[in-house]
Amino acid sequence: MVVRSHSCLLLPSRRRRPASRLLVCSVCAWVFLSQQFPVVFSASVSPSENDGPAASGTDASPSASPERGSEPENVAADSWSNSLSQFVSALRASTWDVLRSGVEGTTRMHFHERHVEGIEGARRPQELFDYIVVGAGAAGCPFARTMADAGKRVLVFERGHARSRTQTPAAMDLDGAGRGINDEKISQPVITAQGVRTHIGKVMGGGTSVNVGIMIRELDEYFHFLNEKYGHSWDIQTLHKASSWIEERVSCPMPQENDFSRAICRSFSNQGFIPHGGVAGNTNYTYPIPVSPELRHGEFWGAMSLFNSSDSGFRNAADIFLIDNFSGAESVENFKPAKNIELLTDYIVLKVLFDKSGTRPRARCVNYRRTQESDLTTLGESPRRRRPSDA
C-alpha cells in the first residue's frame, strides 16, 4: 500500500501482493531518487522494532537542501556515496519486508518508514491490527477490552488527553460532576441546526468523563420493541450478560445523605409512589431509598453511579476498561494498557479507507494525525434569529 500524506495503520489484508510489481516499483523509486538528488543528503535508516521513538524535534527525513559552501566538493562526493549506500541498504530491507508481507498477509507488517517530525508528529511504520477503535468512550473502551481479552490485537485512538489530576481534574472525581460539562479542557460544545446546545467529551473516557455519572440499564421491553418494530435482533440474555459485566466494573450504589434521603422518601410517598420492591403494610416508607440498576416506572429508587464513594469519589469512566489490573485512581494516573491493546491519545482519525472489491465494503486502513486546537472548537453555530425587520 502506498504511504499517504498522513500516517496509515492497517487491518489484516487477505489479498496477496504480486512480488514482481512491488520489485519494479522499488527499482523505479531508486532510479528516480538517484537522478533527482545528485547532491549531499543524509538518509537515516528507520529504527528497528526494538529501538525507541525518534527524538522529539529531530528531523530524520532526507534533506535535499544542504548549506551552500559548507563542504568541499570531494567531501560532498564522499557524502553522496555514503548516503547512496545507506539508501540502497534501506531499500533492500524495505523491499524484503514488502515481498514477505505479500506471502504472510495476516502477520504484522512493517514498512521501514523514516520518522518525519513536523506538524503531524512522527510518522509511524505501517502496522497490522485486528481491530482499530476510533474513540475511547462508553462504547469503544469495553469493545476494545472484549476483543483484546479474546486474543485480538487492538489499536484505540482518542483525540483528547489522557485523564490526570493535573491536566483534567474535573474528569477525575465527584467534584467535577456538573462542572466538567463547562470545562473546555474536557468538554466540546455542540450546537445543532435547531439551536440546541449540548456537549461531547474530548478526553479519555468520552462522555463518561464529563457527564454526571448516573448509570441506568434499559428495560427488556425497549429491545423487544426494537426487534418487532425495526427488525433488529437484540438477544436479551446476551444484553443482560454484557450489562452485568459493565456494571460490575464501573458502577456503585449512589451514596445517600440521611436527612436528604428521608425527605425524598416522604415526598414520594405522599405523592402516591411506592419504593422499588414495595413495602409491608400501609405504613409510609421513610428510608433508605432502594437501589436498582434498571429503569423503574411508578416507583422511586436510586440508580447506580460511576463515582466510587469508597475511593474518594473517583470517577469510574470508560477508560478503566483499557487498563491492565485496574485498582483505583492510581491506575489511571499510572496508565498501563491491558494485553493486546495499544492506545494513541491526542490523535484524530481523518478517514477510514475501505476495500470494496468484495461483496460488502471492508475497512482496510485509517489515516490519522495529531489533534490540533482547531479540531476541538465548538461544532455548529446558533441559527440566525429572525428580527421583526426581516419579516
Foldseek 3Di string as FASTA:
>chain_A
DDQDPFAKAWAFDPAFDDLVVLVVVLVVVLVVVVVPQPWAWAADFFDDPPDDDDDPPDFRHIDRDDDPPPDDPVVGNVRSVVRSVVVVVSSVVQSVQSNVCSVVRNAWGFRRDHFGQDPQGTHGTHTYFNEEAEAQAPPRLVVQLVVVVVVGFYEYEAQAEFDDCVQQVLLWFQVNAVVLCVDLRFWFWEADQQGDIGIWTRYRHIVLSRHNFFAADEDPVVVVCCCVVPVDDDDVVVSVVVVVVVCVQFWDFDDDDQVVQQVVQVVCVVVPAAAVPGDPDDDRDGDDRAEDRHDDPRHTHTHIGRFDVVQVRTGRGSNQSQADPDDHSVCSVVGDGDGSYHYDYQKHWDDFDWDPPDPHTDTTMIGMGGRDPVVRHYHDDGDDDDDPVND
